[in-house]
């Protein structure tokens, strides 16, 4: 998905698993979308700016069990 792509029901239907930053994002998500997909709340504060290097570090740790590192040698 390209940066800036707006989430819509078609993307939700396409996804296997949905990752949300925090419980506030989860609340907002369910106000707008319906799904029976697995939802994982990462427990990451929504205080980071987009492309923040610290956020990238936190997300790599939180997502390590679900994401394959294609840049790994």
PDB file of N, CA and C in Angstrom:
ATOM      1  N   UNK A   1       0.850  -1.170   0.000  1.00  0.00           N
ATOM      2  CA  UNK A   1       0.000   0.000   0.000  1.00  0.00           C
ATOM      3  C   UNK A   1       0.895   1.233   0.000  1.00  0.00           C
ATOM      4  N   UNK A   2       0.584   2.177  -0.836  1.00  0.00           N
ATOM      5  CA  UNK A   2       1.367   3.396  -0.939  1.00  0.00           C
ATOM      6  C   UNK A   2       1.120   4.295   0.263  1.00  0.00           C
ATOM      7  N   UNK A   3       2.139   5.073   0.607  1.00  0.00           N
ATOM      8  CA  UNK A   3       1.991   6.046   1.682  1.00  0.00           C
ATOM      9  C   UNK A   3       0.875   7.011   1.328  1.00  0.00           C
ATOM     10  N   UNK A   4       0.015   7.293   2.282  1.00  0.00           N
ATOM     11  CA  UNK A   4      -1.082   8.212   2.046  1.00  0.00           C
ATOM     12  C   UNK A   4      -2.343   7.541   1.524  1.00  0.00           C
ATOM     13  N   UNK A   5      -2.308   6.211   1.336  1.00  0.00           N
ATOM     14  CA  UNK A   5      -3.489   5.494   0.888  1.00  0.00           C
ATOM     15  C   UNK A   5      -4.517   5.482   2.011  1.00  0.00           C
ATOM     16  N   UNK A   6      -5.732   5.898   1.691  1.00  0.00           N
ATOM     17  CA  UNK A   6      -6.786   5.906   2.703  1.00  0.00           C
ATOM     18  C   UNK A   6      -7.335   4.493   2.882  1.00  0.00           C
ATOM     19  N   UNK A   7      -7.506   4.096   4.120  1.00  0.00           N
ATOM     20  CA  UNK A   7      -8.050   2.777   4.411  1.00  0.00           C
ATOM     21  C   UNK A   7      -9.532   2.773   4.052  1.00  0.00           C
ATOM     22  N   UNK A   8      -9.949   1.700   3.384  1.00  0.00           N
ATOM     23  CA  UNK A   8     -11.354   1.557   3.024  1.00  0.00           C
ATOM     24  C   UNK A   8     -11.761   0.103   3.239  1.00  0.00           C
ATOM     25  N   UNK A   9     -13.047  -0.179   3.109  1.00  0.00           N
ATOM     26  CA  UNK A   9     -13.549  -1.529   3.384  1.00  0.00           C
ATOM     27  C   UNK A   9     -12.913  -2.557   2.455  1.00  0.00           C
ATOM     28  N   UNK A  10     -12.625  -2.193   1.217  1.00  0.00           N
ATOM     29  CA  UNK A  10     -11.982  -3.134   0.289  1.00  0.00           C
ATOM     30  C   UNK A  10     -10.607  -3.561   0.795  1.00  0.00           C
ATOM     31  N   UNK A  11      -9.836  -2.625   1.350  1.00  0.00           N
ATOM     32  CA  UNK A  11      -8.526  -2.982   1.912  1.00  0.00           C
ATOM     33  C   UNK A  11      -8.678  -3.855   3.155  1.00  0.00           C
ATOM     34  N   UNK A  12      -9.675  -3.564   3.963  1.00  0.00           N
ATOM     35  CA  UNK A  12      -9.937  -4.381   5.147  1.00  0.00           C
ATOM     36  C   UNK A  12     -10.285  -5.807   4.711  1.00  0.00           C
ATOM     37  N   UNK A  13     -11.129  -5.939   3.709  1.00  0.00           N
ATOM     38  CA  UNK A  13     -11.515  -7.257   3.216  1.00  0.00           C
ATOM     39  C   UNK A  13     -10.326  -8.009   2.623  1.00  0.00           C
ATOM     40  N   UNK A  14      -9.388  -7.298   2.024  1.00  0.00           N
ATOM     41  CA  UNK A  14      -8.200  -7.891   1.407  1.00  0.00           C
ATOM     42  C   UNK A  14      -7.210  -8.424   2.453  1.00  0.00           C
ATOM     43  N   UNK A  15      -7.115  -7.761   3.585  1.00  0.00           N
ATOM     44  CA  UNK A  15      -6.096  -8.069   4.592  1.00  0.00           C
ATOM     45  C   UNK A  15      -6.332  -9.420   5.255  1.00  0.00           C
ATOM     46  N   UNK A  16      -5.241 -10.077   5.620  1.00  0.00           N
ATOM     47  CA  UNK A  16      -5.330 -11.303   6.412  1.00  0.00           C
ATOM     48  C   UNK A  16      -5.404 -10.969   7.904  1.00  0.00           C
ATOM     49  N   UNK A  17      -4.591 -10.016   8.319  1.00  0.00           N
ATOM     50  CA  UNK A  17      -4.520  -9.562   9.709  1.00  0.00           C
ATOM     51  C   UNK A  17      -4.498  -8.041   9.682  1.00  0.00           C
ATOM     52  N   UNK A  18      -5.118  -7.416  10.667  1.00  0.00           N
ATOM     53  CA  UNK A  18      -5.139  -5.956  10.750  1.00  0.00           C
ATOM     54  C   UNK A  18      -4.394  -5.542  12.012  1.00  0.00           C
ATOM     55  N   UNK A  19      -3.409  -4.692  11.848  1.00  0.00           N
ATOM     56  CA  UNK A  19      -2.621  -4.179  12.960  1.00  0.00           C
ATOM     57  C   UNK A  19      -3.029  -2.740  13.238  1.00  0.00           C
ATOM     58  N   UNK A  20      -3.282  -2.447  14.493  1.00  0.00           N
ATOM     59  CA  UNK A  20      -3.634  -1.094  14.917  1.00  0.00           C
ATOM     60  C   UNK A  20      -2.647  -0.646  15.978  1.00  0.00           C
ATOM     61  N   UNK A  21      -2.389   0.660  16.004  1.00  0.00           N
ATOM     62  CA  UNK A  21      -1.389   1.192  16.926  1.00  0.00           C
ATOM     63  C   UNK A  21      -1.813   1.072  18.389  1.00  0.00           C
ATOM     64  N   UNK A  22      -3.031   1.502  18.708  1.00  0.00           N
ATOM     65  CA  UNK A  22      -3.452   1.549  20.108  1.00  0.00           C
ATOM     66  C   UNK A  22      -4.959   1.351  20.223  1.00  0.00           C
ATOM     67  N   UNK A  23      -5.456   1.347  21.453  1.00  0.00           N
ATOM     68  CA  UNK A  23      -6.881   1.090  21.667  1.00  0.00           C
ATOM     69  C   UNK A  23      -7.763   2.209  21.119  1.00  0.00           C
ATOM     70  N   UNK A  24      -7.271   3.430  21.049  1.00  0.00           N
ATOM     71  CA  UNK A  24      -8.042   4.526  20.455  1.00  0.00           C
ATOM     72  C   UNK A  24      -8.217   4.281  18.960  1.00  0.00           C
ATOM     73  N   UNK A  25      -7.158   3.826  18.283  1.00  0.00           N
ATOM     74  CA  UNK A  25      -7.272   3.467  16.870  1.00  0.00           C
ATOM     75  C   UNK A  25      -8.258   2.318  16.685  1.00  0.00           C
ATOM     76  N   UNK A  26      -8.281   1.387  17.617  1.00  0.00           N
ATOM     77  CA  UNK A  26      -9.213   0.269  17.549  1.00  0.00           C
ATOM     78  C   UNK A  26     -10.660   0.773  17.672  1.00  0.00           C
ATOM     79  N   UNK A  27     -10.902   1.668  18.590  1.00  0.00           N
ATOM     80  CA  UNK A  27     -12.239   2.228  18.777  1.00  0.00           C
ATOM     81  C   UNK A  27     -12.696   2.940  17.490  1.00  0.00           C
ATOM     82  N   UNK A  28     -11.814   3.762  16.933  1.00  0.00           N
ATOM     83  CA  UNK A  28     -12.144   4.487  15.706  1.00  0.00           C
ATOM     84  C   UNK A  28     -12.344   3.538  14.525  1.00  0.00           C
ATOM     85  N   UNK A  29     -11.521   2.510  14.462  1.00  0.00           N
ATOM     86  CA  UNK A  29     -11.617   1.517  13.389  1.00  0.00           C
ATOM     87  C   UNK A  29     -13.007   0.883  13.367  1.00  0.00           C
ATOM     88  N   UNK A  30     -13.485   0.440  14.545  1.00  0.00           N
ATOM     89  CA  UNK A  30     -14.768  -0.257  14.594  1.00  0.00           C
ATOM     90  C   UNK A  30     -15.962   0.672  14.446  1.00  0.00           C
ATOM     91  N   UNK A  31     -15.743   1.975  14.568  1.00  0.00           N
ATOM     92  CA  UNK A  31     -16.820   2.918  14.267  1.00  0.00           C
ATOM     93  C   UNK A  31     -17.049   3.010  12.758  1.00  0.00           C
ATOM     94  N   UNK A  32     -15.989   2.733  11.990  1.00  0.00           N
ATOM     95  CA  UNK A  32     -16.052   2.919  10.538  1.00  0.00           C
ATOM     96  C   UNK A  32     -16.135   1.617   9.747  1.00  0.00           C
ATOM     97  N   UNK A  33     -15.539   0.536  10.266  1.00  0.00           N
ATOM     98  CA  UNK A  33     -15.409  -0.697   9.488  1.00  0.00           C
ATOM     99  C   UNK A  33     -16.014  -1.900  10.210  1.00  0.00           C
ATOM    100  N   UNK A  34     -16.344  -2.902   9.404  1.00  0.00           N
ATOM    101  CA  UNK A  34     -16.828  -4.180   9.916  1.00  0.00           C
ATOM    102  C   UNK A  34     -15.911  -5.264   9.382  1.00  0.00           C
ATOM    103  N   UNK A  35     -15.489  -6.160  10.274  1.00  0.00           N
ATOM    104  CA  UNK A  35     -14.644  -7.258   9.826  1.00  0.00           C
ATOM    105  C   UNK A  35     -14.675  -8.386  10.850  1.00  0.00           C
ATOM    106  N   UNK A  36     -14.391  -9.570  10.360  1.00  0.00           N
ATOM    107  CA  UNK A  36     -14.198 -10.705  11.253  1.00  0.00           C
ATOM    108  C   UNK A  36     -12.727 -11.138  11.225  1.00  0.00           C
ATOM    109  N   UNK A  37     -11.882 -10.290  10.644  1.00  0.00           N
ATOM    110  CA  UNK A  37     -10.446 -10.574  10.555  1.00  0.00           C
ATOM    111  C   UNK A  37      -9.799 -10.453  11.930  1.00  0.00           C
ATOM    112  N   UNK A  38      -8.635 -11.063  12.065  1.00  0.00           N
ATOM    113  CA  UNK A  38      -7.866 -10.942  13.302  1.00  0.00           C
ATOM    114  C   UNK A  38      -7.373  -9.504  13.430  1.00  0.00           C
ATOM    115  N   UNK A  39      -7.594  -8.912  14.596  1.00  0.00           N
ATOM    116  CA  UNK A  39      -7.143  -7.555  14.891  1.00  0.00           C
ATOM    117  C   UNK A  39      -6.078  -7.652  15.968  1.00  0.00           C
ATOM    118  N   UNK A  40      -4.942  -7.038  15.717  1.00  0.00           N
ATOM    119  CA  UNK A  40      -3.868  -7.011  16.711  1.00  0.00           C
ATOM    120  C   UNK A  40      -3.577  -5.558  17.053  1.00  0.00           C
ATOM    121  N   UNK A  41      -3.744  -5.228  18.327  1.00  0.00           N
ATOM    122  CA  UNK A  41      -3.446  -3.883  18.817  1.00  0.00           C
ATOM    123  C   UNK A  41      -2.019  -3.921  19.359  1.00  0.00           C
ATOM    124  N   UNK A  42      -1.148  -3.111  18.763  1.00  0.00           N
ATOM    125  CA  UNK A  42       0.280  -3.175  19.065  1.00  0.00           C
ATOM    126  C   UNK A  42       0.668  -2.499  20.377  1.00  0.00           C
ATOM    127  N   UNK A  43      -0.182  -1.636  20.897  1.00  0.00           N
ATOM    128  CA  UNK A  43       0.162  -0.948  22.144  1.00  0.00           C
ATOM    129  C   UNK A  43       1.236   0.103  21.958  1.00  0.00           C
ATOM    130  N   UNK A  44       1.218   0.769  20.811  1.00  0.00           N
ATOM    131  CA  UNK A  44       2.185   1.823  20.508  1.00  0.00           C
ATOM    132  C   UNK A  44       1.473   3.170  20.632  1.00  0.00           C
ATOM    133  N   UNK A  45       2.012   4.053  21.466  1.00  0.00           N
ATOM    134  CA  UNK A  45       1.419   5.378  21.631  1.00  0.00           C
ATOM    135  C   UNK A  45       1.323   6.091  20.293  1.00  0.00           C
ATOM    136  N   UNK A  46       0.221   6.776  20.098  1.00  0.00           N
ATOM    137  CA  UNK A  46      -0.007   7.502  18.855  1.00  0.00           C
ATOM    138  C   UNK A  46       0.565   8.923  18.966  1.00  0.00           C
ATOM    139  N   UNK A  47       1.827   9.006  19.370  1.00  0.00           N
ATOM    140  CA  UNK A  47       2.478  10.300  19.560  1.00  0.00           C
ATOM    141  C   UNK A  47       3.616  10.539  18.569  1.00  0.00           C
ATOM    142  N   UNK A  48       3.889   9.556  17.738  1.00  0.00           N
ATOM    143  CA  UNK A  48       4.989   9.659  16.778  1.00  0.00           C
ATOM    144  C   UNK A  48       4.531  10.363  15.502  1.00  0.00           C
ATOM    145  N   UNK A  49       5.468  11.022  14.858  1.00  0.00           N
ATOM    146  CA  UNK A  49       5.214  11.601  13.537  1.00  0.00           C
ATOM    147  C   UNK A  49       5.487  10.529  12.479  1.00  0.00           C
ATOM    148  N   UNK A  50       4.871  10.687  11.320  1.00  0.00           N
ATOM    149  CA  UNK A  50       5.104   9.764  10.214  1.00  0.00           C
ATOM    150  C   UNK A  50       6.591   9.750   9.875  1.00  0.00           C
ATOM    151  N   UNK A  51       7.104   8.567   9.605  1.00  0.00           N
ATOM    152  CA  UNK A  51       8.513   8.340   9.240  1.00  0.00           C
ATOM    153  C   UNK A  51       9.494   8.629  10.370  1.00  0.00           C
ATOM    154  N   UNK A  52       9.027   8.686  11.607  1.00  0.00           N
ATOM    155  CA  UNK A  52       9.912   8.891  12.762  1.00  0.00           C
ATOM    156  C   UNK A  52      10.783   7.650  12.920  1.00  0.00           C
ATOM    157  N   UNK A  53      12.119   7.811  12.928  1.00  0.00           N
ATOM    158  CA  UNK A  53      13.005   6.647  13.060  1.00  0.00           C
ATOM    159  C   UNK A  53      12.746   5.847  14.347  1.00  0.00           C
ATOM    160  N   UNK A  54      12.370   6.512  15.418  1.00  0.00           N
ATOM    161  CA  UNK A  54      12.076   5.812  16.664  1.00  0.00           C
ATOM    162  C   UNK A  54      10.825   4.948  16.505  1.00  0.00           C
ATOM    163  N   UNK A  55       9.823   5.463  15.799  1.00  0.00           N
ATOM    164  CA  UNK A  55       8.615   4.679  15.528  1.00  0.00           C
ATOM    165  C   UNK A  55       8.961   3.445  14.707  1.00  0.00           C
ATOM    166  N   UNK A  56       9.822   3.591  13.728  1.00  0.00           N
ATOM    167  CA  UNK A  56      10.229   2.445  12.914  1.00  0.00           C
ATOM    168  C   UNK A  56      10.879   1.370  13.778  1.00  0.00           C
ATOM    169  N   UNK A  57      11.715   1.775  14.732  1.00  0.00           N
ATOM    170  CA  UNK A  57      12.356   0.817  15.642  1.00  0.00           C
ATOM    171  C   UNK A  57      11.311   0.089  16.481  1.00  0.00           C
ATOM    172  N   UNK A  58      10.369   0.840  17.033  1.00  0.00           N
ATOM    173  CA  UNK A  58       9.320   0.254  17.871  1.00  0.00           C
ATOM    174  C   UNK A  58       8.475  -0.724  17.060  1.00  0.00           C
ATOM    175  N   UNK A  59       8.096  -0.330  15.841  1.00  0.00           N
ATOM    176  CA  UNK A  59       7.269  -1.197  15.003  1.00  0.00           C
ATOM    177  C   UNK A  59       8.008  -2.466  14.586  1.00  0.00           C
ATOM    178  N   UNK A  60       9.288  -2.362  14.312  1.00  0.00           N
ATOM    179  CA  UNK A  60      10.065  -3.561  13.971  1.00  0.00           C
ATOM    180  C   UNK A  60      10.039  -4.559  15.116  1.00  0.00           C
ATOM    181  N   UNK A  61      10.141  -4.070  16.342  1.00  0.00           N
ATOM    182  CA  UNK A  61      10.100  -4.953  17.510  1.00  0.00           C
ATOM    183  C   UNK A  61       8.705  -5.559  17.671  1.00  0.00           C
ATOM    184  N   UNK A  62       7.687  -4.720  17.583  1.00  0.00           N
ATOM    185  CA  UNK A  62       6.309  -5.172  17.789  1.00  0.00           C
ATOM    186  C   UNK A  62       5.838  -6.143  16.706  1.00  0.00           C
ATOM    187  N   UNK A  63       6.339  -5.969  15.484  1.00  0.00           N
ATOM    188  CA  UNK A  63       5.878  -6.767  14.347  1.00  0.00           C
ATOM    189  C   UNK A  63       6.791  -7.941  13.998  1.00  0.00           C
ATOM    190  N   UNK A  64       7.839  -8.161  14.776  1.00  0.00           N
ATOM    191  CA  UNK A  64       8.847  -9.154  14.403  1.00  0.00           C
ATOM    192  C   UNK A  64       8.287 -10.568  14.228  1.00  0.00           C
ATOM    193  N   UNK A  65       7.199 -10.891  14.898  1.00  0.00           N
ATOM    194  CA  UNK A  65       6.628 -12.228  14.760  1.00  0.00           C
ATOM    195  C   UNK A  65       5.746 -12.387  13.523  1.00  0.00           C
ATOM    196  N   UNK A  66       5.420 -11.288  12.856  1.00  0.00           N
ATOM    197  CA  UNK A  66       4.508 -11.350  11.718  1.00  0.00           C
ATOM    198  C   UNK A  66       5.140 -10.937  10.392  1.00  0.00           C
ATOM    199  N   UNK A  67       6.256 -10.232  10.433  1.00  0.00           N
ATOM    200  CA  UNK A  67       6.829  -9.661   9.217  1.00  0.00           C
ATOM    201  C   UNK A  67       8.185 -10.305   8.930  1.00  0.00           C
ATOM    202  N   UNK A  68       8.386 -10.692   7.682  1.00  0.00           N
ATOM    203  CA  UNK A  68       9.667 -11.227   7.247  1.00  0.00           C
ATOM    204  C   UNK A  68      10.521 -10.066   6.764  1.00  0.00           C
ATOM    205  N   UNK A  69      11.761  -9.992   7.240  1.00  0.00           N
ATOM    206  CA  UNK A  69      12.671  -8.917   6.832  1.00  0.00           C
ATOM    207  C   UNK A  69      13.302  -9.280   5.494  1.00  0.00           C
ATOM    208  N   UNK A  70      12.809  -8.664   4.427  1.00  0.00           N
ATOM    209  CA  UNK A  70      13.333  -8.984   3.087  1.00  0.00           C
ATOM    210  C   UNK A  70      14.705  -8.349   2.849  1.00  0.00           C
ATOM    211  N   UNK A  71      15.126  -7.432   3.720  1.00  0.00           N
ATOM    212  CA  UNK A  71      16.436  -6.787   3.563  1.00  0.00           C
ATOM    213  C   UNK A  71      17.531  -7.515   4.338  1.00  0.00           C
ATOM    214  N   UNK A  72      17.157  -8.560   5.053  1.00  0.00           N
ATOM    215  CA  UNK A  72      18.117  -9.302   5.869  1.00  0.00           C
ATOM    216  C   UNK A  72      19.052 -10.101   4.968  1.00  0.00           C
ATOM    217  N   UNK A  73      20.340 -10.037   5.262  1.00  0.00           N
ATOM    218  CA  UNK A  73      21.334 -10.768   4.454  1.00  0.00           C
ATOM    219  C   UNK A  73      21.369 -12.217   4.785  1.00  0.00           C
TER     220      UNK A  73
END
